[in-house]
Amino acid sequence: MTGVLDQASVVAPTPTRAGRGFVPDDCAKSRQNAEGSSVPTVDPYTNAYVTEALDLSKADGADVTGESYAPMEVTLEEGGK
């Protein structure tokens, strides 16, 4: 499905030697904030909004797969007119 995140294809780079970079999800979820809660508390990768938007668009008759795409001819003119 177009626009849907495949969790298996997401690769989080490891921190650089200078200590900058991304923190793996399991590490972030095991840390606590000032109040003692673990953050984040839910999986950060979700397709819920994308799936709902695609379903709503399909219900409205929108082509969400590009099947009805047809190129159009455009003539470029000096000055953008």
Protein backbone atom coordinates (compact mmCIF):
# COMPACT_ATOMS: atom_id res chain seq x y z
CA MET A 1 0.00 0.00 0.00
CA THR A 2 1.42 3.39 -0.97
CA GLY A 3 2.52 5.64 1.87
CA VAL A 4 2.38 2.94 4.53
CA LEU A 5 5.46 2.51 6.72
CA ASP A 6 6.96 -0.96 6.75
CA GLN A 7 8.50 -1.32 10.21
CA ALA A 8 10.88 -4.02 9.01
CA SER A 9 12.48 -1.57 6.58
CA VAL A 10 13.13 1.12 9.20
CA VAL A 11 16.74 1.14 10.27
CA ALA A 12 17.84 3.38 13.13
CA PRO A 13 21.47 4.39 12.76
CA THR A 14 23.69 3.94 15.76
CA PRO A 15 25.18 6.98 17.51
CA THR A 16 28.36 8.41 16.02
CA ARG A 17 31.68 8.41 17.85
CA ALA A 18 30.84 11.94 18.99
CA GLY A 19 27.73 10.54 20.71
CA ARG A 20 25.19 12.03 18.31
CA GLY A 21 22.64 9.96 16.44
CA PHE A 22 19.43 8.07 16.96
CA VAL A 23 18.58 6.11 20.08
CA PRO A 24 17.11 2.65 19.42
CA ASP A 25 13.44 2.27 20.41
CA ASP A 26 14.10 -0.38 23.04
CA CYS A 27 16.62 1.89 24.73
CA ALA A 28 14.28 4.91 24.64
CA LYS A 29 11.36 2.91 26.01
CA SER A 30 13.39 1.64 28.95
CA ARG A 31 14.40 5.14 30.15
CA GLN A 32 12.35 7.20 32.57
CA ASN A 33 11.45 10.88 32.53
CA ALA A 34 11.54 13.20 35.57
CA GLU A 35 8.17 11.88 36.78
CA GLY A 36 9.32 8.27 36.58
CA SER A 37 7.30 7.36 33.49
CA SER A 38 8.82 5.55 30.56
CA VAL A 39 8.79 7.55 27.33
CA PRO A 40 7.58 6.89 24.72
CA THR A 41 4.88 4.59 26.02
CA VAL A 42 3.66 3.42 22.60
CA ASP A 43 5.29 2.16 19.46
CA PRO A 44 6.45 5.21 17.49
CA TYR A 45 5.80 3.55 14.12
CA THR A 46 2.13 3.56 13.20
CA ASN A 47 0.20 3.46 9.96
CA ALA A 48 -3.12 4.31 11.62
CA TYR A 49 -3.34 7.85 10.23
CA VAL A 50 -2.14 6.89 6.76
CA THR A 51 -4.57 3.97 6.56
CA GLU A 52 -7.49 6.12 7.73
CA ALA A 53 -6.62 8.90 5.26
CA LEU A 54 -6.37 6.41 2.38
CA ASP A 55 -9.69 4.81 3.33
CA LEU A 56 -11.42 8.22 3.51
CA SER A 57 -9.90 9.27 0.19
CA LYS A 58 -11.00 6.02 -1.48
CA ALA A 59 -14.53 6.50 -0.09
CA ASP A 60 -14.58 9.96 -1.69
CA GLY A 61 -13.63 8.40 -5.03
CA ALA A 62 -10.01 9.58 -5.10
CA ASP A 63 -7.45 7.55 -7.01
CA VAL A 64 -4.94 6.69 -4.28
CA THR A 65 -2.91 4.24 -6.39
CA GLY A 66 -2.24 6.37 -9.46
CA GLU A 67 -4.13 4.03 -11.81
CA SER A 68 -5.90 6.95 -13.50
CA TYR A 69 -2.70 8.99 -13.96
CA ALA A 70 -2.24 10.45 -17.39
CA PRO A 71 0.58 12.84 -18.26
CA MET A 72 -0.42 16.24 -19.54
CA GLU A 73 1.37 18.32 -22.12
CA VAL A 74 2.82 21.56 -20.81
CA THR A 75 4.39 24.37 -22.78
CA LEU A 76 7.00 26.34 -20.87
CA GLU A 77 7.13 30.03 -21.65
CA GLU A 78 9.65 32.65 -20.67
CA GLY A 79 8.67 34.44 -17.47
CA GLY A 80 6.54 31.51 -16.28
CA LYS A 81 3.38 32.62 -18.09
